[in-house]
Full PDB file with SEQRES, HELIX, SHEET, SSBOND, CRYST1, ORIGX, SCALE, CONECT and MASTER records, all heavy atoms in Angstrom:
SEQRES   1 A   43  GLU GLY LYS ASN VAL SER TRP LEU PRO SER TYR GLY PRO          
SEQRES   2 A   43  GLU MET ARG GLY GLY THR ALA ASN CYS ASN VAL VAL ILE          
SEQRES   3 A   43  SER ASP GLU GLU VAL GLY CYS PRO ILE VAL ALA GLU ALA          
SEQRES   4 A   43  ASP SER VAL ILE                                              
SHEET    1 AA1 2 ASN A   4  TYR A  11  0                                        
SHEET    2 AA1 2 ALA A  20  SER A  27 -1                                        
CRYST1    1.000    1.000    1.000  90.00  90.00  90.00 P 1           1          
ORIGX1      1.000000  0.000000  0.000000        0.00000                         
ORIGX2      0.000000  1.000000  0.000000        0.00000                         
ORIGX3      0.000000  0.000000  1.000000        0.00000                         
SCALE1      1.000000  0.000000  0.000000        0.00000                         
SCALE2      0.000000  1.000000  0.000000        0.00000                         
SCALE3      0.000000  0.000000  1.000000        0.00000                         
ATOM      1  N   GLU A   1     100.307  88.854 107.286  1.00  0.00           N  
ATOM      2  CA  GLU A   1     101.411  88.034 106.866  1.00  0.00           C  
ATOM      3  C   GLU A   1     101.936  87.174 107.998  1.00  0.00           C  
ATOM      4  O   GLU A   1     102.973  86.571 107.885  1.00  0.00           O  
ATOM      5  CB  GLU A   1     102.525  88.983 106.281  1.00  0.00           C  
ATOM      6  CG  GLU A   1     102.065  89.608 105.007  1.00  0.00           C  
ATOM      7  CD  GLU A   1     103.028  90.663 104.460  1.00  0.00           C  
ATOM      8  OE1 GLU A   1     104.179  90.765 104.952  1.00  0.00           O  
ATOM      9  OE2 GLU A   1     102.642  91.377 103.553  1.00  0.00           O  
ATOM     10  N   GLY A   2     101.219  87.226 109.163  1.00  0.00           N  
ATOM     11  CA  GLY A   2     101.610  86.339 110.262  1.00  0.00           C  
ATOM     12  C   GLY A   2     102.785  86.925 111.074  1.00  0.00           C  
ATOM     13  O   GLY A   2     103.390  86.199 111.863  1.00  0.00           O  
ATOM     14  N   LYS A   3     103.072  88.184 110.926  1.00  0.00           N  
ATOM     15  CA  LYS A   3     104.158  88.799 111.644  1.00  0.00           C  
ATOM     16  C   LYS A   3     103.642  89.383 112.948  1.00  0.00           C  
ATOM     17  O   LYS A   3     102.482  89.590 113.138  1.00  0.00           O  
ATOM     18  CB  LYS A   3     104.832  89.828 110.790  1.00  0.00           C  
ATOM     19  CG  LYS A   3     105.446  89.257 109.562  1.00  0.00           C  
ATOM     20  CD  LYS A   3     106.164  90.250 108.679  1.00  0.00           C  
ATOM     21  CE  LYS A   3     106.796  89.516 107.519  1.00  0.00           C  
ATOM     22  NZ  LYS A   3     106.964  90.300 106.354  1.00  0.00           N  
ATOM     23  N   ASN A   4     104.570  89.651 113.842  1.00  0.00           N  
ATOM     24  CA  ASN A   4     104.263  90.377 115.098  1.00  0.00           C  
ATOM     25  C   ASN A   4     104.352  91.879 114.803  1.00  0.00           C  
ATOM     26  O   ASN A   4     105.331  92.281 114.108  1.00  0.00           O  
ATOM     27  CB  ASN A   4     105.232  89.995 116.181  1.00  0.00           C  
ATOM     28  CG  ASN A   4     105.144  88.550 116.544  1.00  0.00           C  
ATOM     29  OD1 ASN A   4     104.143  88.125 117.081  1.00  0.00           O  
ATOM     30  ND2 ASN A   4     106.190  87.755 116.271  1.00  0.00           N  
ATOM     31  N   VAL A   5     103.424  92.640 115.308  1.00  0.00           N  
ATOM     32  CA  VAL A   5     103.385  94.066 114.986  1.00  0.00           C  
ATOM     33  C   VAL A   5     103.075  94.913 116.219  1.00  0.00           C  
ATOM     34  O   VAL A   5     102.474  94.389 117.172  1.00  0.00           O  
ATOM     35  CB  VAL A   5     102.404  94.415 113.840  1.00  0.00           C  
ATOM     36  CG1 VAL A   5     102.677  93.622 112.574  1.00  0.00           C  
ATOM     37  CG2 VAL A   5     100.947  94.179 114.327  1.00  0.00           C  
ATOM     38  N   SER A   6     103.419  96.181 116.159  1.00  0.00           N  
ATOM     39  CA  SER A   6     102.956  97.115 117.113  1.00  0.00           C  
ATOM     40  C   SER A   6     102.714  98.450 116.355  1.00  0.00           C  
ATOM     41  O   SER A   6     103.400  98.711 115.390  1.00  0.00           O  
ATOM     42  CB  SER A   6     103.891  97.319 118.300  1.00  0.00           C  
ATOM     43  OG  SER A   6     105.045  98.005 117.898  1.00  0.00           O  
ATOM     44  N   TRP A   7     101.768  99.171 116.849  1.00  0.00           N  
ATOM     45  CA  TRP A   7     101.417 100.520 116.294  1.00  0.00           C  
ATOM     46  C   TRP A   7     101.222 101.424 117.476  1.00  0.00           C  
ATOM     47  O   TRP A   7     100.319 101.164 118.329  1.00  0.00           O  
ATOM     48  CB  TRP A   7     100.167 100.402 115.456  1.00  0.00           C  
ATOM     49  CG  TRP A   7      99.619 101.704 114.974  1.00  0.00           C  
ATOM     50  CD1 TRP A   7     100.170 102.520 114.016  1.00  0.00           C  
ATOM     51  CD2 TRP A   7      98.434 102.391 115.428  1.00  0.00           C  
ATOM     52  NE1 TRP A   7      99.354 103.623 113.876  1.00  0.00           N  
ATOM     53  CE2 TRP A   7      98.307 103.607 114.729  1.00  0.00           C  
ATOM     54  CE3 TRP A   7      97.457 102.084 116.339  1.00  0.00           C  
ATOM     55  CZ2 TRP A   7      97.224 104.484 114.926  1.00  0.00           C  
ATOM     56  CZ3 TRP A   7      96.427 102.935 116.596  1.00  0.00           C  
ATOM     57  CH2 TRP A   7      96.328 104.111 115.835  1.00  0.00           C  
ATOM     58  N   LEU A   8     101.954 102.509 117.534  1.00  0.00           N  
ATOM     59  CA  LEU A   8     101.898 103.393 118.692  1.00  0.00           C  
ATOM     60  C   LEU A   8     101.699 104.851 118.137  1.00  0.00           C  
ATOM     61  O   LEU A   8     102.582 105.470 117.602  1.00  0.00           O  
ATOM     62  CB  LEU A   8     103.169 103.369 119.496  1.00  0.00           C  
ATOM     63  CG  LEU A   8     103.213 104.270 120.741  1.00  0.00           C  
ATOM     64  CD1 LEU A   8     102.218 103.823 121.733  1.00  0.00           C  
ATOM     65  CD2 LEU A   8     104.635 104.215 121.364  1.00  0.00           C  
ATOM     66  N   PRO A   9     100.492 105.344 118.227  1.00  0.00           N  
ATOM     67  CA  PRO A   9     100.166 106.700 117.717  1.00  0.00           C  
ATOM     68  C   PRO A   9     100.568 107.805 118.739  1.00  0.00           C  
ATOM     69  O   PRO A   9     100.569 107.517 120.001  1.00  0.00           O  
ATOM     70  CB  PRO A   9      98.648 106.660 117.523  1.00  0.00           C  
ATOM     71  CG  PRO A   9      98.195 105.757 118.562  1.00  0.00           C  
ATOM     72  CD  PRO A   9      99.272 104.693 118.751  1.00  0.00           C  
ATOM     73  N   SER A  10     100.836 108.972 118.202  1.00  0.00           N  
ATOM     74  CA  SER A  10     101.095 110.156 119.044  1.00  0.00           C  
ATOM     75  C   SER A  10     100.579 111.363 118.319  1.00  0.00           C  
ATOM     76  O   SER A  10     100.915 111.517 117.160  1.00  0.00           O  
ATOM     77  CB  SER A  10     102.610 110.288 119.320  1.00  0.00           C  
ATOM     78  OG  SER A  10     102.857 111.457 120.060  1.00  0.00           O  
ATOM     79  N   TYR A  11      99.776 112.129 119.021  1.00  0.00           N  
ATOM     80  CA  TYR A  11      99.165 113.284 118.320  1.00  0.00           C  
ATOM     81  C   TYR A  11      98.822 114.347 119.346  1.00  0.00           C  
ATOM     82  O   TYR A  11      98.591 114.090 120.498  1.00  0.00           O  
ATOM     83  CB  TYR A  11      97.968 112.940 117.459  1.00  0.00           C  
ATOM     84  CG  TYR A  11      96.982 112.011 118.146  1.00  0.00           C  
ATOM     85  CD1 TYR A  11      95.933 112.542 118.911  1.00  0.00           C  
ATOM     86  CD2 TYR A  11      97.110 110.680 118.077  1.00  0.00           C  
ATOM     87  CE1 TYR A  11      95.044 111.735 119.579  1.00  0.00           C  
ATOM     88  CE2 TYR A  11      96.221 109.822 118.701  1.00  0.00           C  
ATOM     89  CZ  TYR A  11      95.189 110.363 119.501  1.00  0.00           C  
ATOM     90  OH  TYR A  11      94.331 109.528 120.145  1.00  0.00           O  
ATOM     91  N   GLY A  12      98.754 115.606 118.858  1.00  0.00           N  
ATOM     92  CA  GLY A  12      98.371 116.739 119.694  1.00  0.00           C  
ATOM     93  C   GLY A  12      96.875 116.750 119.874  1.00  0.00           C  
ATOM     94  O   GLY A  12      96.164 115.949 119.341  1.00  0.00           O  
ATOM     95  N   PRO A  13      96.388 117.684 120.722  1.00  0.00           N  
ATOM     96  CA  PRO A  13      94.945 117.742 121.014  1.00  0.00           C  
ATOM     97  C   PRO A  13      94.147 118.289 119.854  1.00  0.00           C  
ATOM     98  O   PRO A  13      92.888 118.179 119.911  1.00  0.00           O  
ATOM     99  CB  PRO A  13      94.910 118.689 122.256  1.00  0.00           C  
ATOM    100  CG  PRO A  13      96.080 119.562 122.092  1.00  0.00           C  
ATOM    101  CD  PRO A  13      97.160 118.694 121.436  1.00  0.00           C  
ATOM    102  N   GLU A  14      94.735 118.833 118.887  1.00  0.00           N  
ATOM    103  CA  GLU A  14      93.963 119.464 117.732  1.00  0.00           C  
ATOM    104  C   GLU A  14      93.357 118.298 116.891  1.00  0.00           C  
ATOM    105  O   GLU A  14      93.944 117.288 116.758  1.00  0.00           O  
ATOM    106  CB  GLU A  14      94.889 120.313 116.876  1.00  0.00           C  
ATOM    107  CG  GLU A  14      95.641 121.378 117.585  1.00  0.00           C  
ATOM    108  CD  GLU A  14      97.003 120.880 118.129  1.00  0.00           C  
ATOM    109  OE1 GLU A  14      97.320 119.723 118.064  1.00  0.00           O  
ATOM    110  OE2 GLU A  14      97.710 121.732 118.647  1.00  0.00           O  
ATOM    111  N   MET A  15      92.211 118.637 116.317  1.00  0.00           N  
ATOM    112  CA  MET A  15      91.611 117.599 115.424  1.00  0.00           C  
ATOM    113  C   MET A  15      92.351 117.593 114.064  1.00  0.00           C  
ATOM    114  O   MET A  15      92.569 116.568 113.536  1.00  0.00           O  
ATOM    115  CB  MET A  15      90.101 117.920 115.227  1.00  0.00           C  
ATOM    116  CG  MET A  15      89.257 117.632 116.401  1.00  0.00           C  
ATOM    117  SD  MET A  15      89.261 115.881 116.847  1.00  0.00           S  
ATOM    118  CE  MET A  15      88.280 115.270 115.576  1.00  0.00           C  
ATOM    119  N   ARG A  16      92.593 118.760 113.518  1.00  0.00           N  
ATOM    120  CA  ARG A  16      93.283 118.844 112.227  1.00  0.00           C  
ATOM    121  C   ARG A  16      94.409 119.904 112.380  1.00  0.00           C  
ATOM    122  O   ARG A  16      94.224 120.914 113.033  1.00  0.00           O  
ATOM    123  CB  ARG A  16      92.315 119.328 111.128  1.00  0.00           C  
ATOM    124  CG  ARG A  16      91.209 118.344 110.836  1.00  0.00           C  
ATOM    125  CD  ARG A  16      91.675 117.426 109.714  1.00  0.00           C  
ATOM    126  NE  ARG A  16      90.543 116.582 109.330  1.00  0.00           N  
ATOM    127  CZ  ARG A  16      90.498 115.251 109.644  1.00  0.00           C  
ATOM    128  NH1 ARG A  16      91.431 114.730 110.384  1.00  0.00           N  
ATOM    129  NH2 ARG A  16      89.481 114.533 109.252  1.00  0.00           N  
ATOM    130  N   GLY A  17      95.542 119.686 111.697  1.00  0.00           N  
ATOM    131  CA  GLY A  17      96.567 120.684 111.665  1.00  0.00           C  
ATOM    132  C   GLY A  17      97.596 120.542 112.792  1.00  0.00           C  
ATOM    133  O   GLY A  17      98.692 121.134 112.698  1.00  0.00           O  
ATOM    134  N   GLY A  18      97.312 119.798 113.814  1.00  0.00           N  
ATOM    135  CA  GLY A  18      98.327 119.549 114.854  1.00  0.00           C  
ATOM    136  C   GLY A  18      99.296 118.445 114.425  1.00  0.00           C  
ATOM    137  O   GLY A  18      99.209 117.927 113.346  1.00  0.00           O  
ATOM    138  N   THR A  19     100.307 118.237 115.246  1.00  0.00           N  
ATOM    139  CA  THR A  19     101.288 117.241 114.889  1.00  0.00           C  
ATOM    140  C   THR A  19     100.766 115.887 115.081  1.00  0.00           C  
ATOM    141  O   THR A  19      99.937 115.616 115.986  1.00  0.00           O  
ATOM    142  CB  THR A  19     102.586 117.389 115.691  1.00  0.00           C  
ATOM    143  OG1 THR A  19     102.266 117.329 117.119  1.00  0.00           O  
ATOM    144  CG2 THR A  19     103.222 118.762 115.446  1.00  0.00           C  
ATOM    145  N   ALA A  20     101.170 114.917 114.317  1.00  0.00           N  
ATOM    146  CA  ALA A  20     100.753 113.502 114.427  1.00  0.00           C  
ATOM    147  C   ALA A  20     101.913 112.663 113.935  1.00  0.00           C  
ATOM    148  O   ALA A  20     102.586 112.996 112.990  1.00  0.00           O  
ATOM    149  CB  ALA A  20      99.511 113.270 113.663  1.00  0.00           C  
ATOM    150  N   ASN A  21     102.186 111.540 114.690  1.00  0.00           N  
ATOM    151  CA  ASN A  21     103.117 110.602 114.195  1.00  0.00           C  
ATOM    152  C   ASN A  21     102.795 109.276 114.819  1.00  0.00           C  
ATOM    153  O   ASN A  21     101.994 109.177 115.751  1.00  0.00           O  
ATOM    154  CB  ASN A  21     104.563 111.027 114.523  1.00  0.00           C  
ATOM    155  CG  ASN A  21     104.916 111.042 115.981  1.00  0.00           C  
ATOM    156  OD1 ASN A  21     105.137 109.955 116.556  1.00  0.00           O  
ATOM    157  ND2 ASN A  21     104.920 112.181 116.588  1.00  0.00           N  
ATOM    158  N   CYS A  22     103.364 108.245 114.285  1.00  0.00           N  
ATOM    159  CA  CYS A  22     103.176 106.925 114.804  1.00  0.00           C  
ATOM    160  C   CYS A  22     104.438 106.132 114.586  1.00  0.00           C  
ATOM    161  O   CYS A  22     105.184 106.287 113.689  1.00  0.00           O  
ATOM    162  CB  CYS A  22     101.929 106.238 114.261  1.00  0.00           C  
ATOM    163  SG  CYS A  22     101.939 105.848 112.558  1.00  0.00           S  
ATOM    164  N   ASN A  23     104.626 105.189 115.496  1.00  0.00           N  
ATOM    165  CA  ASN A  23     105.717 104.190 115.474  1.00  0.00           C  
ATOM    166  C   ASN A  23     105.088 102.839 115.087  1.00  0.00           C  
ATOM    167  O   ASN A  23     104.113 102.425 115.720  1.00  0.00           O  
ATOM    168  CB  ASN A  23     106.387 104.049 116.819  1.00  0.00           C  
ATOM    169  CG  ASN A  23     107.151 105.289 117.240  1.00  0.00           C  
ATOM    170  OD1 ASN A  23     108.151 105.157 117.965  1.00  0.00           O  
ATOM    171  ND2 ASN A  23     106.741 106.442 116.889  1.00  0.00           N  
ATOM    172  N   VAL A  24     105.672 102.155 114.145  1.00  0.00           N  
ATOM    173  CA  VAL A  24     105.255 100.837 113.683  1.00  0.00           C  
ATOM    174  C   VAL A  24     106.441  99.897 113.770  1.00  0.00           C  
ATOM    175  O   VAL A  24     107.518 100.231 113.230  1.00  0.00           O  
ATOM    176  CB  VAL A  24     104.667 100.889 112.297  1.00  0.00           C  
ATOM    177  CG1 VAL A  24     104.231  99.495 111.856  1.00  0.00           C  
ATOM    178  CG2 VAL A  24     103.523 101.856 112.176  1.00  0.00           C  
ATOM    179  N   VAL A  25     106.206  98.732 114.317  1.00  0.00           N  
ATOM    180  CA  VAL A  25     107.249  97.692 114.329  1.00  0.00           C  
ATOM    181  C   VAL A  25     106.562  96.474 113.675  1.00  0.00           C  
ATOM    182  O   VAL A  25     105.516  96.066 114.052  1.00  0.00           O  
ATOM    183  CB  VAL A  25     107.770  97.383 115.713  1.00  0.00           C  
ATOM    184  CG1 VAL A  25     108.754  96.272 115.682  1.00  0.00           C  
ATOM    185  CG2 VAL A  25     108.302  98.625 116.441  1.00  0.00           C  
ATOM    186  N   ILE A  26     107.285  95.932 112.680  1.00  0.00           N  
ATOM    187  CA  ILE A  26     106.845  94.718 112.011  1.00  0.00           C  
ATOM    188  C   ILE A  26     108.021  93.730 112.123  1.00  0.00           C  
ATOM    189  O   ILE A  26     109.081  94.051 111.640  1.00  0.00           O  
ATOM    190  CB  ILE A  26     106.443  94.976 110.539  1.00  0.00           C  
ATOM    191  CG1 ILE A  26     105.331  96.037 110.454  1.00  0.00           C  
ATOM    192  CG2 ILE A  26     106.051  93.656 109.839  1.00  0.00           C  
ATOM    193  CD1 ILE A  26     105.037  96.549 109.050  1.00  0.00           C  
ATOM    194  N   SER A  27     107.753  92.576 112.722  1.00  0.00           N  
ATOM    195  CA  SER A  27     108.822  91.660 113.035  1.00  0.00           C  
ATOM    196  C   SER A  27     108.432  90.232 112.913  1.00  0.00           C  
ATOM    197  O   SER A  27     107.280  89.847 113.185  1.00  0.00           O  
ATOM    198  CB  SER A  27     109.304  91.988 114.439  1.00  0.00           C  
ATOM    199  OG  SER A  27     110.339  91.064 114.856  1.00  0.00           O  
ATOM    200  N   ASP A  28     109.421  89.372 112.585  1.00  0.00           N  
ATOM    201  CA  ASP A  28     109.243  87.900 112.656  1.00  0.00           C  
ATOM    202  C   ASP A  28     109.275  87.409 114.097  1.00  0.00           C  
ATOM    203  O   ASP A  28     108.814  86.301 114.308  1.00  0.00           O  
ATOM    204  CB  ASP A  28     110.298  87.237 111.819  1.00  0.00           C  
ATOM    205  CG  ASP A  28     110.128  87.468 110.312  1.00  0.00           C  
ATOM    206  OD1 ASP A  28     108.992  87.715 109.890  1.00  0.00           O  
ATOM    207  OD2 ASP A  28     111.142  87.492 109.606  1.00  0.00           O  
ATOM    208  N   GLU A  29     109.874  88.168 114.980  1.00  0.00           N  
ATOM    209  CA  GLU A  29     109.994  87.820 116.378  1.00  0.00           C  
ATOM    210  C   GLU A  29     109.042  88.697 117.202  1.00  0.00           C  
ATOM    211  O   GLU A  29     108.446  89.625 116.678  1.00  0.00           O  
ATOM    212  CB  GLU A  29     111.426  87.989 116.811  1.00  0.00           C  
ATOM    213  CG  GLU A  29     112.439  87.185 116.040  1.00  0.00           C  
ATOM    214  CD  GLU A  29     113.863  87.569 116.276  1.00  0.00           C  
ATOM    215  OE1 GLU A  29     114.146  88.208 117.287  1.00  0.00           O  
ATOM    216  OE2 GLU A  29     114.739  87.235 115.444  1.00  0.00           O  
ATOM    217  N   GLU A  30     108.908  88.356 118.478  1.00  0.00           N  
ATOM    218  CA  GLU A  30     108.104  89.145 119.322  1.00  0.00           C  
ATOM    219  C   GLU A  30     108.589  90.588 119.432  1.00  0.00           C  
ATOM    220  O   GLU A  30     109.848  90.840 119.391  1.00  0.00           O  
ATOM    221  CB  GLU A  30     108.094  88.546 120.780  1.00  0.00           C  
ATOM    222  CG  GLU A  30     107.274  87.298 120.849  1.00  0.00           C  
ATOM    223  CD  GLU A  30     107.136  86.789 122.346  1.00  0.00           C  
ATOM    224  OE1 GLU A  30     107.391  87.625 123.264  1.00  0.00           O  
ATOM    225  OE2 GLU A  30     106.851  85.635 122.485  1.00  0.00           O  
ATOM    226  N   VAL A  31     107.670  91.522 119.541  1.00  0.00           N  
ATOM    227  CA  VAL A  31     108.029  92.934 119.627  1.00  0.00           C  
ATOM    228  C   VAL A  31     108.179  93.263 121.084  1.00  0.00           C  
ATOM    229  O   VAL A  31     107.216  93.201 121.911  1.00  0.00           O  
ATOM    230  CB  VAL A  31     106.953  93.833 118.965  1.00  0.00           C  
ATOM    231  CG1 VAL A  31     107.277  95.301 119.154  1.00  0.00           C  
ATOM    232  CG2 VAL A  31     106.816  93.453 117.467  1.00  0.00           C  
ATOM    233  N   GLY A  32     109.385  93.616 121.500  1.00  0.00           N  
ATOM    234  CA  GLY A  32     109.649  93.929 122.879  1.00  0.00           C  
ATOM    235  C   GLY A  32     109.238  95.333 123.344  1.00  0.00           C  
ATOM    236  O   GLY A  32     108.777  95.509 124.451  1.00  0.00           O  
ATOM    237  N   CYS A  33     109.265  96.256 122.386  1.00  0.00           N  
ATOM    238  CA  CYS A  33     109.010  97.644 122.736  1.00  0.00           C  
ATOM    239  C   CYS A  33     108.355  98.318 121.529  1.00  0.00           C  
ATOM    240  O   CYS A  33     108.928  98.208 120.418  1.00  0.00           O  
ATOM    241  CB  CYS A  33     110.200  98.334 123.162  1.00  0.00           C  
ATOM    242  SG  CYS A  33     109.985 100.133 123.594  1.00  0.00           S  
ATOM    243  N   PRO A  34     107.242  99.026 121.691  1.00  0.00           N  
ATOM    244  CA  PRO A  34     106.606  99.677 120.522  1.00  0.00           C  
ATOM    245  C   PRO A  34     107.229 101.013 120.180  1.00  0.00           C  
ATOM    246  O   PRO A  34     106.887 101.586 119.147  1.00  0.00           O  
ATOM    247  CB  PRO A  34     105.156  99.873 121.039  1.00  0.00           C  
ATOM    248  CG  PRO A  34     105.304 100.028 122.542  1.00  0.00           C  
ATOM    249  CD  PRO A  34     106.420  99.126 122.886  1.00  0.00           C  
ATOM    250  N   ILE A  35     108.172 101.507 120.968  1.00  0.00           N  
ATOM    251  CA  ILE A  35     108.749 102.782 120.755  1.00  0.00           C  
ATOM    252  C   ILE A  35     109.956 102.619 119.768  1.00  0.00           C  
ATOM    253  O   ILE A  35     110.775 101.763 119.939  1.00  0.00           O  
ATOM    254  CB  ILE A  35     109.242 103.456 122.038  1.00  0.00           C  
ATOM    255  CG1 ILE A  35     108.052 103.728 122.931  1.00  0.00           C  
ATOM    256  CG2 ILE A  35     110.020 104.772 121.736  1.00  0.00           C  
ATOM    257  CD1 ILE A  35     108.431 104.099 124.344  1.00  0.00           C  
ATOM    258  N   VAL A  36     109.948 103.444 118.709  1.00  0.00           N  
ATOM    259  CA  VAL A  36     111.002 103.364 117.705  1.00  0.00           C  
ATOM    260  C   VAL A  36     111.954 104.558 117.936  1.00  0.00           C  
ATOM    261  O   VAL A  36     111.593 105.687 117.715  1.00  0.00           O  
ATOM    262  CB  VAL A  36     110.402 103.420 116.278  1.00  0.00           C  
ATOM    263  CG1 VAL A  36     111.518 103.403 115.217  1.00  0.00           C  
ATOM    264  CG2 VAL A  36     109.489 102.252 116.020  1.00  0.00           C  
ATOM    265  N   ALA A  37     113.182 104.223 118.341  1.00  0.00           N  
ATOM    266  CA  ALA A  37     114.182 105.253 118.542  1.00  0.00           C  
ATOM    267  C   ALA A  37     115.007 105.474 117.286  1.00  0.00           C  
ATOM    268  O   ALA A  37     115.286 106.614 116.884  1.00  0.00           O  
ATOM    269  CB  ALA A  37     115.082 104.864 119.745  1.00  0.00           C  
ATOM    270  N   GLU A  38     115.355 104.338 116.676  1.00  0.00           N  
ATOM    271  CA  GLU A  38     116.124 104.390 115.385  1.00  0.00           C  
ATOM    272  C   GLU A  38     115.297 103.623 114.371  1.00  0.00           C  
ATOM    273  O   GLU A  38     115.153 102.385 114.546  1.00  0.00           O  
ATOM    274  CB  GLU A  38     117.499 103.827 115.550  1.00  0.00           C  
ATOM    275  CG  GLU A  38     118.523 104.657 116.184  1.00  0.00           C  
ATOM    276  CD  GLU A  38     119.910 104.139 115.998  1.00  0.00           C  
ATOM    277  OE1 GLU A  38     120.159 102.980 116.387  1.00  0.00           O  
ATOM    278  OE2 GLU A  38     120.746 104.890 115.492  1.00  0.00           O  
ATOM    279  N   ALA A  39     114.836 104.292 113.356  1.00  0.00           N  
ATOM    280  CA  ALA A  39     113.942 103.672 112.430  1.00  0.00           C  
ATOM    281  C   ALA A  39     114.692 103.170 111.142  1.00  0.00           C  
ATOM    282  O   ALA A  39     115.654 103.791 110.708  1.00  0.00           O  
ATOM    283  CB  ALA A  39     112.887 104.691 111.991  1.00  0.00           C  
ATOM    284  N   ASP A  40     114.189 102.086 110.639  1.00  0.00           N  
ATOM    285  CA  ASP A  40     114.653 101.610 109.326  1.00  0.00           C  
ATOM    286  C   ASP A  40     114.103 102.493 108.282  1.00  0.00           C  
ATOM    287  O   ASP A  40     114.806 102.734 107.251  1.00  0.00           O  
ATOM    288  CB  ASP A  40     114.241 100.158 109.099  1.00  0.00           C  
ATOM    289  CG  ASP A  40     114.815  99.204 110.162  1.00  0.00           C  
ATOM    290  OD1 ASP A  40     116.009  98.987 110.079  1.00  0.00           O  
ATOM    291  OD2 ASP A  40     114.023  98.751 110.926  1.00  0.00           O  
ATOM    292  N   SER A  41     112.895 102.945 108.391  1.00  0.00           N  
ATOM    293  CA  SER A  41     112.231 103.843 107.462  1.00  0.00           C  
ATOM    294  C   SER A  41     111.445 104.953 108.153  1.00  0.00           C  
ATOM    295  O   SER A  41     110.792 104.704 109.226  1.00  0.00           O  
ATOM    296  CB  SER A  41     111.247 103.065 106.591  1.00  0.00           C  
ATOM    297  OG  SER A  41     111.885 102.062 105.855  1.00  0.00           O  
ATOM    298  N   VAL A  42     111.527 106.193 107.595  1.00  0.00           N  
ATOM    299  CA  VAL A  42     110.781 107.273 108.195  1.00  0.00           C  
ATOM    300  C   VAL A  42     110.031 107.955 106.981  1.00  0.00           C  
ATOM    301  O   VAL A  42     110.681 108.273 105.944  1.00  0.00           O  
ATOM    302  CB  VAL A  42     111.664 108.311 108.885  1.00  0.00           C  
ATOM    303  CG1 VAL A  42     110.876 109.594 109.248  1.00  0.00           C  
ATOM    304  CG2 VAL A  42     112.267 107.693 110.135  1.00  0.00           C  
ATOM    305  N   ILE A  43     108.748 108.200 107.149  1.00  0.00           N  
ATOM    306  CA  ILE A  43     107.987 108.970 106.196  1.00  0.00           C  
ATOM    307  C   ILE A  43     107.703 110.349 106.836  1.00  0.00           C  
ATOM    308  O   ILE A  43     107.105 110.338 107.960  1.00  0.00           O  
ATOM    309  CB  ILE A  43     106.661 108.280 105.847  1.00  0.00           C  
ATOM    310  CG1 ILE A  43     106.911 106.997 105.104  1.00  0.00           C  
ATOM    311  CG2 ILE A  43     105.750 109.238 104.981  1.00  0.00           C  
ATOM    312  CD1 ILE A  43     105.593 106.245 104.843  1.00  0.00           C  
TER     313      ILE A  43                                                      
MASTER        0    0    0    0    2    0    0    6  312    1    0    4          
END                                                                             
């Protein structure tokens, strides 16, 4: 869609069953930091 994005994965050393999460930023402006401290949406 022509937006600026970042995707920052984080996961434990386990292949399956360990914790996993990622931060995603989708913006009309430049993304200054890929870390999401306060999210608009959390799944």
